[in-house]
Amino acid sequence: MLNVLIIDDDLKNSKDLETLCIHYFNKRNIDYKISIELKLNENLDIFSNVDILFLDVEIGNNNGIEFSKRLRKVYPELMIIITSKYSQYLIDGYSIDAKRYFLKPIDENIFNEEMENVLGATFQKYMGFYDSKIAPYKIHYDKILYVEFLNRATVLHFLNGVQIKTSYPLKYWIENTIKI
C-alpha cells in the first residue's frame, strides 16, 4: 500500500489535492492510504511509513523547505512534492531534491501527467489488477514470476511459489485485466 501524506494548513487545498490523488490512484488500481495534516509535526518518526509527501511551502509561520531539509537527513528516500501558491519557491525545491513543484490551484491534467512521470518506474510494485473470476484479491504485477499457457489454461506462477490456474485465454487477460 502506498502511504501518502499531505501537509497543508489550508483544509480546502488539502482536500482538493486529496481528490486529485484519489482519482489518479484509483484509475491506476494502486492501493493507497492518504492522510492530511494541517500543521508540521516536529516528530519525524511519523514519516517512517510515508512514501509520498505533498508539502506546502508556507504552513502557518513555518517554512516547508527548511523543514524538508531536516526531514531529508532522516529519510533520504522520501518522495517530496512541493505545493505552493507562489512560484518564487520553485528554485528552493531543488535544494531538497523535490520530485515536482505544483502551483495551486493544481490542474488535474497537469497533476496526472506529472505523477505519471514521477511514479512511472518508482511505484510499479503497486500496480496490478483485480478480477474476482481469477482471484479474490488484487494480483500485483511485481509478484508474478511468469505466466504460462498449459493444457488450455493460463497458469500464473508467483515468486512465493503459489500458482493460480484459470481457464481464461490470453485474449481475456488483455481485454479485461491488464491495467496500469
N, C-alpha and C. Protein backbone atom coordinates (compact mmCIF):
# COMPACT_ATOMS: atom_id res chain seq x y z
N MET A 1 0.83 -1.18 0.00
CA MET A 1 0.00 0.00 0.00
C MET A 1 0.88 1.24 0.00
N LEU A 2 0.48 2.20 -0.80
CA LEU A 2 1.19 3.46 -0.93
C LEU A 2 0.67 4.41 0.13
N ASN A 3 1.56 4.91 0.97
CA ASN A 3 1.18 5.85 2.03
C ASN A 3 1.51 7.27 1.59
N VAL A 4 0.47 8.10 1.53
CA VAL A 4 0.60 9.47 1.07
C VAL A 4 0.24 10.39 2.23
N LEU A 5 1.06 11.40 2.45
CA LEU A 5 0.79 12.40 3.47
C LEU A 5 0.74 13.77 2.81
N ILE A 6 -0.33 14.49 3.08
CA ILE A 6 -0.49 15.86 2.59
C ILE A 6 -0.39 16.78 3.79
N ILE A 7 0.56 17.72 3.73
CA ILE A 7 0.68 18.72 4.80
C ILE A 7 0.44 20.09 4.18
N ASP A 8 -0.67 20.68 4.59
CA ASP A 8 -1.06 22.00 4.09
C ASP A 8 -1.99 22.60 5.13
N ASP A 9 -1.75 23.84 5.51
CA ASP A 9 -2.57 24.46 6.56
C ASP A 9 -3.93 24.94 6.04
N ASP A 10 -4.18 24.83 4.76
CA ASP A 10 -5.46 25.20 4.18
C ASP A 10 -6.24 23.91 3.89
N LEU A 11 -7.33 23.68 4.63
CA LEU A 11 -8.08 22.44 4.50
C LEU A 11 -8.65 22.26 3.10
N LYS A 12 -9.12 23.33 2.48
CA LYS A 12 -9.66 23.21 1.12
C LYS A 12 -8.59 22.75 0.14
N ASN A 13 -7.39 23.34 0.22
CA ASN A 13 -6.30 22.90 -0.66
C ASN A 13 -5.94 21.45 -0.40
N SER A 14 -5.93 21.06 0.87
CA SER A 14 -5.63 19.67 1.22
C SER A 14 -6.64 18.71 0.62
N LYS A 15 -7.91 19.06 0.75
CA LYS A 15 -8.98 18.20 0.22
C LYS A 15 -8.95 18.15 -1.31
N ASP A 16 -8.64 19.29 -1.94
CA ASP A 16 -8.53 19.31 -3.41
C ASP A 16 -7.41 18.38 -3.87
N LEU A 17 -6.27 18.44 -3.19
CA LEU A 17 -5.14 17.58 -3.52
C LEU A 17 -5.47 16.11 -3.24
N GLU A 18 -6.16 15.88 -2.16
CA GLU A 18 -6.59 14.51 -1.84
C GLU A 18 -7.47 13.95 -2.96
N THR A 19 -8.38 14.75 -3.46
CA THR A 19 -9.26 14.32 -4.55
C THR A 19 -8.46 14.00 -5.81
N LEU A 20 -7.47 14.83 -6.14
CA LEU A 20 -6.61 14.55 -7.28
C LEU A 20 -5.89 13.21 -7.11
N CYS A 21 -5.37 12.97 -5.91
CA CYS A 21 -4.68 11.71 -5.63
C CYS A 21 -5.62 10.52 -5.75
N ILE A 22 -6.81 10.65 -5.18
CA ILE A 22 -7.79 9.55 -5.23
C ILE A 22 -8.12 9.20 -6.68
N HIS A 23 -8.40 10.20 -7.49
CA HIS A 23 -8.70 9.93 -8.91
C HIS A 23 -7.53 9.25 -9.60
N TYR A 24 -6.34 9.78 -9.35
CA TYR A 24 -5.15 9.25 -10.02
C TYR A 24 -4.88 7.79 -9.60
N PHE A 25 -4.86 7.52 -8.31
CA PHE A 25 -4.54 6.17 -7.83
C PHE A 25 -5.63 5.17 -8.16
N ASN A 26 -6.89 5.56 -8.06
CA ASN A 26 -7.98 4.65 -8.40
C ASN A 26 -7.95 4.26 -9.87
N LYS A 27 -7.67 5.22 -10.73
CA LYS A 27 -7.63 4.94 -12.17
C LYS A 27 -6.52 3.94 -12.51
N ARG A 28 -5.48 3.91 -11.70
CA ARG A 28 -4.35 3.02 -11.96
C ARG A 28 -4.34 1.80 -11.05
N ASN A 29 -5.42 1.60 -10.32
CA ASN A 29 -5.55 0.44 -9.42
C ASN A 29 -4.40 0.34 -8.43
N ILE A 30 -4.00 1.46 -7.88
CA ILE A 30 -2.93 1.49 -6.89
C ILE A 30 -3.57 1.56 -5.51
N ASP A 31 -3.21 0.63 -4.63
CA ASP A 31 -3.68 0.67 -3.25
C ASP A 31 -2.99 1.83 -2.53
N TYR A 32 -3.74 2.60 -1.79
CA TYR A 32 -3.17 3.77 -1.15
C TYR A 32 -3.90 4.10 0.14
N LYS A 33 -3.24 4.90 0.94
CA LYS A 33 -3.83 5.49 2.13
C LYS A 33 -3.36 6.93 2.15
N ILE A 34 -4.31 7.86 2.28
CA ILE A 34 -3.97 9.28 2.28
C ILE A 34 -4.28 9.86 3.65
N SER A 35 -3.31 10.56 4.22
CA SER A 35 -3.50 11.27 5.48
C SER A 35 -3.27 12.75 5.24
N ILE A 36 -3.97 13.56 6.02
CA ILE A 36 -3.84 15.01 5.90
C ILE A 36 -3.45 15.57 7.26
N GLU A 37 -2.45 16.44 7.25
CA GLU A 37 -2.04 17.19 8.45
C GLU A 37 -2.14 18.67 8.10
N LEU A 38 -2.67 19.45 9.03
CA LEU A 38 -2.82 20.89 8.79
C LEU A 38 -1.69 21.70 9.39
N LYS A 39 -0.74 21.02 10.03
CA LYS A 39 0.44 21.71 10.58
C LYS A 39 1.62 20.74 10.55
N LEU A 40 2.81 21.30 10.67
CA LEU A 40 4.02 20.47 10.69
C LEU A 40 4.14 19.78 12.04
N ASN A 41 4.54 18.54 12.00
CA ASN A 41 4.77 17.78 13.22
C ASN A 41 6.28 17.60 13.36
N GLU A 42 6.82 18.11 14.42
CA GLU A 42 8.28 18.05 14.62
C GLU A 42 8.77 16.63 14.91
N ASN A 43 7.86 15.72 15.24
CA ASN A 43 8.23 14.32 15.47
C ASN A 43 8.42 13.65 14.11
N LEU A 44 9.65 13.51 13.69
CA LEU A 44 9.95 12.98 12.36
C LEU A 44 9.65 11.49 12.24
N ASP A 45 9.39 10.81 13.34
CA ASP A 45 9.05 9.39 13.30
C ASP A 45 7.77 9.13 12.52
N ILE A 46 6.87 10.11 12.47
CA ILE A 46 5.61 9.88 11.76
C ILE A 46 5.82 9.73 10.25
N PHE A 47 7.00 10.07 9.76
CA PHE A 47 7.29 9.97 8.33
C PHE A 47 7.91 8.64 7.94
N SER A 48 8.10 7.75 8.91
CA SER A 48 8.80 6.48 8.63
C SER A 48 8.05 5.61 7.62
N ASN A 49 6.73 5.68 7.57
CA ASN A 49 5.95 4.86 6.63
C ASN A 49 5.41 5.65 5.45
N VAL A 50 5.81 6.90 5.32
CA VAL A 50 5.30 7.74 4.24
C VAL A 50 6.11 7.49 2.97
N ASP A 51 5.39 7.25 1.86
CA ASP A 51 6.05 7.06 0.56
C ASP A 51 6.12 8.37 -0.22
N ILE A 52 5.01 9.13 -0.18
CA ILE A 52 4.95 10.41 -0.89
C ILE A 52 4.47 11.47 0.08
N LEU A 53 5.20 12.56 0.13
CA LEU A 53 4.82 13.70 0.95
C LEU A 53 4.53 14.89 0.04
N PHE A 54 3.28 15.36 0.07
CA PHE A 54 2.92 16.60 -0.59
C PHE A 54 3.01 17.67 0.48
N LEU A 55 3.89 18.62 0.29
CA LEU A 55 4.19 19.60 1.33
C LEU A 55 4.03 21.02 0.82
N ASP A 56 3.19 21.77 1.50
CA ASP A 56 3.04 23.19 1.19
C ASP A 56 4.30 23.92 1.67
N VAL A 57 4.66 24.96 0.97
CA VAL A 57 5.86 25.71 1.34
C VAL A 57 5.63 26.55 2.58
N GLU A 58 4.47 27.19 2.64
CA GLU A 58 4.15 28.03 3.79
C GLU A 58 3.06 27.35 4.61
N ILE A 59 3.43 26.91 5.80
CA ILE A 59 2.48 26.23 6.69
C ILE A 59 2.45 27.04 7.98
N GLY A 60 1.45 27.90 8.09
CA GLY A 60 1.42 28.83 9.22
C GLY A 60 2.65 29.72 9.16
N ASN A 61 3.40 29.75 10.26
CA ASN A 61 4.64 30.53 10.31
C ASN A 61 5.86 29.69 9.95
N ASN A 62 5.64 28.44 9.57
CA ASN A 62 6.74 27.52 9.26
C ASN A 62 7.05 27.49 7.77
N ASN A 63 8.30 27.20 7.47
CA ASN A 63 8.76 27.10 6.10
C ASN A 63 8.94 25.62 5.76
N GLY A 64 8.15 25.14 4.79
CA GLY A 64 8.20 23.74 4.39
C GLY A 64 9.54 23.32 3.82
N ILE A 65 10.23 24.22 3.15
CA ILE A 65 11.54 23.91 2.57
C ILE A 65 12.55 23.64 3.69
N GLU A 66 12.59 24.51 4.68
CA GLU A 66 13.53 24.32 5.80
C GLU A 66 13.20 23.04 6.56
N PHE A 67 11.92 22.77 6.75
CA PHE A 67 11.51 21.54 7.41
C PHE A 67 11.96 20.32 6.60
N SER A 68 11.82 20.41 5.28
CA SER A 68 12.22 19.31 4.40
C SER A 68 13.70 19.01 4.46
N LYS A 69 14.50 20.03 4.66
CA LYS A 69 15.95 19.82 4.77
C LYS A 69 16.26 18.93 5.98
N ARG A 70 15.59 19.17 7.10
CA ARG A 70 15.78 18.30 8.28
C ARG A 70 15.22 16.90 8.01
N LEU A 71 14.07 16.86 7.38
CA LEU A 71 13.41 15.59 7.08
C LEU A 71 14.26 14.75 6.12
N ARG A 72 14.84 15.38 5.14
CA ARG A 72 15.65 14.69 4.12
C ARG A 72 16.87 14.00 4.76
N LYS A 73 17.42 14.57 5.83
CA LYS A 73 18.57 13.95 6.52
C LYS A 73 18.18 12.62 7.17
N VAL A 74 16.96 12.53 7.64
CA VAL A 74 16.48 11.31 8.31
C VAL A 74 15.91 10.31 7.30
N TYR A 75 15.22 10.81 6.30
CA TYR A 75 14.57 9.96 5.29
C TYR A 75 14.99 10.39 3.88
N PRO A 76 16.19 10.02 3.48
CA PRO A 76 16.69 10.49 2.18
C PRO A 76 15.91 9.95 0.98
N GLU A 77 15.20 8.84 1.14
CA GLU A 77 14.46 8.24 0.03
C GLU A 77 13.02 8.74 -0.08
N LEU A 78 12.57 9.54 0.87
CA LEU A 78 11.21 10.03 0.88
C LEU A 78 10.95 10.87 -0.37
N MET A 79 9.85 10.59 -1.05
CA MET A 79 9.49 11.35 -2.24
C MET A 79 8.73 12.60 -1.78
N ILE A 80 9.33 13.75 -1.98
CA ILE A 80 8.72 15.01 -1.57
C ILE A 80 8.27 15.76 -2.81
N ILE A 81 7.01 16.20 -2.77
CA ILE A 81 6.45 17.02 -3.85
C ILE A 81 5.95 18.31 -3.20
N ILE A 82 6.46 19.41 -3.68
CA ILE A 82 6.13 20.71 -3.11
C ILE A 82 4.87 21.26 -3.76
N THR A 83 4.03 21.88 -2.93
CA THR A 83 2.86 22.59 -3.44
C THR A 83 2.91 24.01 -2.87
N SER A 84 2.49 24.97 -3.68
CA SER A 84 2.50 26.36 -3.21
C SER A 84 1.67 27.23 -4.13
N LYS A 85 1.25 28.35 -3.60
CA LYS A 85 0.59 29.37 -4.42
C LYS A 85 1.62 30.28 -5.08
N TYR A 86 2.88 30.15 -4.66
CA TYR A 86 3.90 31.11 -5.07
C TYR A 86 5.03 30.43 -5.84
N SER A 87 5.29 30.93 -7.04
CA SER A 87 6.32 30.34 -7.88
C SER A 87 7.74 30.70 -7.42
N GLN A 88 7.90 31.71 -6.58
CA GLN A 88 9.25 32.12 -6.17
C GLN A 88 9.98 31.03 -5.37
N TYR A 89 9.24 30.06 -4.85
CA TYR A 89 9.88 28.98 -4.09
C TYR A 89 10.36 27.83 -4.96
N LEU A 90 10.10 27.91 -6.24
CA LEU A 90 10.44 26.83 -7.16
C LEU A 90 11.91 26.43 -7.07
N ILE A 91 12.81 27.38 -7.12
CA ILE A 91 14.24 27.09 -7.07
C ILE A 91 14.61 26.43 -5.74
N ASP A 92 13.99 26.86 -4.65
CA ASP A 92 14.27 26.26 -3.34
C ASP A 92 13.94 24.78 -3.31
N GLY A 93 12.97 24.36 -4.11
CA GLY A 93 12.60 22.95 -4.16
C GLY A 93 13.75 22.06 -4.60
N TYR A 94 14.66 22.60 -5.40
CA TYR A 94 15.81 21.82 -5.83
C TYR A 94 16.75 21.49 -4.66
N SER A 95 16.79 22.36 -3.68
CA SER A 95 17.70 22.15 -2.54
C SER A 95 17.30 20.96 -1.68
N ILE A 96 16.07 20.51 -1.82
CA ILE A 96 15.61 19.34 -1.05
C ILE A 96 15.33 18.15 -1.96
N ASP A 97 15.72 18.26 -3.21
CA ASP A 97 15.51 17.20 -4.19
C ASP A 97 14.02 16.86 -4.31
N ALA A 98 13.19 17.90 -4.38
CA ALA A 98 11.75 17.68 -4.59
C ALA A 98 11.53 17.10 -5.98
N LYS A 99 10.62 16.14 -6.07
CA LYS A 99 10.35 15.49 -7.36
C LYS A 99 9.55 16.39 -8.29
N ARG A 100 8.67 17.20 -7.71
CA ARG A 100 7.87 18.12 -8.51
C ARG A 100 7.49 19.32 -7.65
N TYR A 101 7.06 20.36 -8.34
CA TYR A 101 6.58 21.58 -7.69
C TYR A 101 5.27 21.94 -8.36
N PHE A 102 4.18 21.83 -7.63
CA PHE A 102 2.86 22.16 -8.18
C PHE A 102 2.41 23.51 -7.67
N LEU A 103 1.97 24.35 -8.60
CA LEU A 103 1.38 25.63 -8.24
C LEU A 103 -0.12 25.44 -8.03
N LYS A 104 -0.63 26.01 -6.93
CA LYS A 104 -2.05 25.92 -6.62
C LYS A 104 -2.80 27.05 -7.30
N PRO A 105 -4.01 26.81 -7.72
CA PRO A 105 -4.72 25.53 -7.70
C PRO A 105 -4.12 24.58 -8.75
N ILE A 106 -4.10 23.31 -8.42
CA ILE A 106 -3.45 22.32 -9.27
C ILE A 106 -4.45 21.80 -10.30
N ASP A 107 -4.07 21.90 -11.56
CA ASP A 107 -4.87 21.39 -12.66
C ASP A 107 -4.77 19.86 -12.71
N GLU A 108 -5.90 19.18 -12.83
CA GLU A 108 -5.90 17.70 -12.80
C GLU A 108 -5.11 17.09 -13.94
N ASN A 109 -5.19 17.66 -15.13
CA ASN A 109 -4.44 17.11 -16.27
C ASN A 109 -2.93 17.24 -16.04
N ILE A 110 -2.51 18.37 -15.55
CA ILE A 110 -1.08 18.57 -15.25
C ILE A 110 -0.65 17.63 -14.14
N PHE A 111 -1.48 17.52 -13.10
CA PHE A 111 -1.18 16.61 -11.99
C PHE A 111 -0.98 15.18 -12.50
N ASN A 112 -1.93 14.70 -13.29
CA ASN A 112 -1.86 13.32 -13.79
C ASN A 112 -0.62 13.09 -14.65
N GLU A 113 -0.33 14.02 -15.52
CA GLU A 113 0.84 13.88 -16.39
C GLU A 113 2.14 13.87 -15.58
N GLU A 114 2.25 14.78 -14.65
CA GLU A 114 3.47 14.85 -13.84
C GLU A 114 3.61 13.64 -12.91
N MET A 115 2.50 13.17 -12.37
CA MET A 115 2.56 12.00 -11.49
C MET A 115 2.96 10.75 -12.29
N GLU A 116 2.53 10.67 -13.53
CA GLU A 116 2.96 9.55 -14.39
C GLU A 116 4.47 9.56 -14.52
N ASN A 117 5.03 10.74 -14.76
CA ASN A 117 6.48 10.87 -14.90
C ASN A 117 7.20 10.52 -13.61
N VAL A 118 6.66 10.97 -12.50
CA VAL A 118 7.30 10.75 -11.21
C VAL A 118 7.19 9.30 -10.76
N LEU A 119 6.02 8.73 -10.90
CA LEU A 119 5.76 7.41 -10.34
C LEU A 119 5.96 6.25 -11.30
N GLY A 120 6.10 6.55 -12.57
CA GLY A 120 6.18 5.50 -13.57
C GLY A 120 6.94 4.27 -13.15
N ALA A 121 8.22 4.37 -12.96
CA ALA A 121 9.02 3.21 -12.59
C ALA A 121 9.08 3.00 -11.08
N THR A 122 8.97 4.08 -10.34
CA THR A 122 9.14 4.01 -8.90
C THR A 122 8.11 3.12 -8.21
N PHE A 123 6.86 3.21 -8.65
CA PHE A 123 5.81 2.50 -7.94
C PHE A 123 5.16 1.39 -8.74
N GLN A 124 5.91 0.74 -9.59
CA GLN A 124 5.37 -0.39 -10.32
C GLN A 124 4.91 -1.49 -9.38
N LYS A 125 5.51 -1.57 -8.20
CA LYS A 125 5.13 -2.62 -7.26
C LYS A 125 3.70 -2.48 -6.78
N TYR A 126 3.09 -1.31 -6.94
CA TYR A 126 1.71 -1.11 -6.53
C TYR A 126 0.72 -1.39 -7.66
N MET A 127 1.25 -1.67 -8.84
CA MET A 127 0.40 -1.86 -9.99
C MET A 127 -0.03 -3.31 -10.10
N GLY A 128 -1.23 -3.50 -10.55
CA GLY A 128 -1.75 -4.84 -10.71
C GLY A 128 -3.18 -4.79 -11.20
N PHE A 129 -3.91 -5.86 -10.96
CA PHE A 129 -5.29 -5.91 -11.38
C PHE A 129 -6.10 -6.74 -10.39
N TYR A 130 -7.39 -6.52 -10.43
CA TYR A 130 -8.31 -7.30 -9.62
C TYR A 130 -9.40 -7.83 -10.53
N ASP A 131 -9.60 -9.13 -10.51
CA ASP A 131 -10.68 -9.77 -11.24
C ASP A 131 -11.14 -10.94 -10.39
N SER A 132 -12.35 -10.83 -9.85
CA SER A 132 -12.85 -11.86 -8.92
C SER A 132 -13.01 -13.22 -9.60
N LYS A 133 -13.03 -13.26 -10.93
CA LYS A 133 -13.11 -14.54 -11.64
C LYS A 133 -11.79 -15.29 -11.60
N ILE A 134 -10.72 -14.56 -11.29
CA ILE A 134 -9.38 -15.17 -11.26
C ILE A 134 -8.90 -15.37 -9.84
N ALA A 135 -9.06 -14.35 -9.00
CA ALA A 135 -8.62 -14.45 -7.60
C ALA A 135 -9.45 -13.48 -6.75
N PRO A 136 -9.63 -13.79 -5.47
CA PRO A 136 -10.43 -12.92 -4.60
C PRO A 136 -9.63 -11.74 -4.04
N TYR A 137 -8.51 -11.41 -4.61
CA TYR A 137 -7.65 -10.34 -4.15
C TYR A 137 -6.93 -9.72 -5.34
N LYS A 138 -6.35 -8.57 -5.12
CA LYS A 138 -5.60 -7.90 -6.18
C LYS A 138 -4.32 -8.66 -6.45
N ILE A 139 -4.03 -8.85 -7.72
CA ILE A 139 -2.79 -9.50 -8.14
C ILE A 139 -1.82 -8.41 -8.57
N HIS A 140 -0.69 -8.32 -7.88
CA HIS A 140 0.33 -7.31 -8.18
C HIS A 140 1.29 -7.87 -9.23
N TYR A 141 1.57 -7.06 -10.23
CA TYR A 141 2.44 -7.50 -11.31
C TYR A 141 3.83 -7.90 -10.82
N ASP A 142 4.34 -7.20 -9.83
CA ASP A 142 5.70 -7.49 -9.38
C ASP A 142 5.79 -8.80 -8.59
N LYS A 143 4.67 -9.40 -8.27
CA LYS A 143 4.66 -10.69 -7.55
C LYS A 143 4.61 -11.88 -8.51
N ILE A 144 4.37 -11.61 -9.80
CA ILE A 144 4.27 -12.68 -10.79
C ILE A 144 5.66 -13.00 -11.32
N LEU A 145 6.04 -14.28 -11.23
CA LEU A 145 7.31 -14.73 -11.76
C LEU A 145 7.19 -14.94 -13.27
N TYR A 146 6.18 -15.69 -13.69
CA TYR A 146 5.91 -15.86 -15.12
C TYR A 146 4.49 -16.38 -15.31
N VAL A 147 4.02 -16.27 -16.56
CA VAL A 147 2.69 -16.74 -16.95
C VAL A 147 2.90 -17.77 -18.04
N GLU A 148 2.19 -18.89 -17.91
CA GLU A 148 2.30 -19.89 -18.98
C GLU A 148 0.91 -20.35 -19.40
N PHE A 149 0.83 -20.79 -20.61
CA PHE A 149 -0.40 -21.36 -21.13
C PHE A 149 -0.16 -22.85 -21.26
N LEU A 150 -0.92 -23.64 -20.51
CA LEU A 150 -0.67 -25.08 -20.43
C LEU A 150 -2.01 -25.82 -20.41
N ASN A 151 -2.18 -26.74 -21.32
CA ASN A 151 -3.40 -27.56 -21.39
C ASN A 151 -4.67 -26.71 -21.38
N ARG A 152 -4.69 -25.74 -22.25
CA ARG A 152 -5.84 -24.84 -22.43
C ARG A 152 -6.18 -24.03 -21.17
N ALA A 153 -5.18 -23.78 -20.35
CA ALA A 153 -5.37 -22.97 -19.14
C ALA A 153 -4.21 -22.00 -19.01
N THR A 154 -4.48 -20.87 -18.40
CA THR A 154 -3.44 -19.90 -18.08
C THR A 154 -3.02 -20.15 -16.64
N VAL A 155 -1.72 -20.26 -16.42
CA VAL A 155 -1.21 -20.50 -15.08
C VAL A 155 -0.29 -19.35 -14.70
N LEU A 156 -0.65 -18.67 -13.60
CA LEU A 156 0.20 -17.62 -13.06
C LEU A 156 1.12 -18.24 -12.03
N HIS A 157 2.41 -18.06 -12.18
CA HIS A 157 3.39 -18.55 -11.22
C HIS A 157 3.93 -17.34 -10.46
N PHE A 158 3.78 -17.37 -9.13
CA PHE A 158 4.21 -16.25 -8.31
C PHE A 158 5.58 -16.51 -7.70
N LEU A 159 6.23 -15.43 -7.30
CA LEU A 159 7.56 -15.52 -6.69
C LEU A 159 7.57 -16.40 -5.45
N ASN A 160 6.46 -16.43 -4.71
CA ASN A 160 6.41 -17.22 -3.47
C ASN A 160 6.04 -18.68 -3.72
N GLY A 161 5.97 -19.10 -4.98
CA GLY A 161 5.68 -20.50 -5.31
C GLY A 161 4.21 -20.81 -5.53
N VAL A 162 3.33 -19.88 -5.19
CA VAL A 162 1.90 -20.08 -5.38
C VAL A 162 1.58 -20.02 -6.88
N GLN A 163 0.59 -20.82 -7.28
CA GLN A 163 0.14 -20.82 -8.67
C GLN A 163 -1.38 -20.61 -8.69
N ILE A 164 -1.83 -19.85 -9.69
CA ILE A 164 -3.25 -19.70 -9.93
C ILE A 164 -3.51 -20.19 -11.35
N LYS A 165 -4.45 -21.11 -11.46
CA LYS A 165 -4.79 -21.67 -12.76
C LYS A 165 -6.18 -21.20 -13.14
N THR A 166 -6.31 -20.65 -14.35
CA THR A 166 -7.61 -20.20 -14.84
C THR A 166 -7.84 -20.74 -16.24
N SER A 167 -9.09 -20.79 -16.61
CA SER A 167 -9.43 -21.27 -17.96
C SER A 167 -9.50 -20.12 -18.96
N TYR A 168 -9.22 -18.92 -18.52
CA TYR A 168 -9.32 -17.76 -19.40
C TYR A 168 -8.13 -17.69 -20.36
N PRO A 169 -8.42 -17.43 -21.65
CA PRO A 169 -7.32 -17.32 -22.62
C PRO A 169 -6.62 -15.97 -22.49
N LEU A 170 -5.51 -15.84 -23.15
CA LEU A 170 -4.73 -14.61 -23.12
C LEU A 170 -5.56 -13.42 -23.59
N LYS A 171 -6.42 -13.61 -24.56
CA LYS A 171 -7.27 -12.52 -25.05
C LYS A 171 -8.11 -11.93 -23.92
N TYR A 172 -8.65 -12.77 -23.04
CA TYR A 172 -9.44 -12.29 -21.91
C TYR A 172 -8.58 -11.41 -21.01
N TRP A 173 -7.36 -11.86 -20.74
CA TRP A 173 -6.45 -11.11 -19.88
C TRP A 173 -6.17 -9.74 -20.46
N ILE A 174 -5.89 -9.70 -21.72
CA ILE A 174 -5.56 -8.42 -22.37
C ILE A 174 -6.74 -7.47 -22.35
N GLU A 175 -7.93 -7.99 -22.64
CA GLU A 175 -9.12 -7.14 -22.72
C GLU A 175 -9.67 -6.73 -21.36
N ASN A 176 -9.48 -7.56 -20.33
CA ASN A 176 -10.19 -7.34 -19.08
C ASN A 176 -9.34 -7.07 -17.84
N THR A 177 -8.08 -7.45 -17.85
CA THR A 177 -7.34 -7.33 -16.60
C THR A 177 -6.07 -6.51 -16.68
N ILE A 178 -5.48 -6.37 -17.81
CA ILE A 178 -4.21 -5.66 -17.89
C ILE A 178 -4.47 -4.17 -17.76
N LYS A 179 -4.19 -3.64 -16.57
CA LYS A 179 -4.41 -2.23 -16.28
C LYS A 179 -3.16 -1.66 -15.63
N ILE A 180 -2.83 -0.45 -16.02
CA ILE A 180 -1.67 0.20 -15.41
C ILE A 180 -2.10 1.48 -14.77
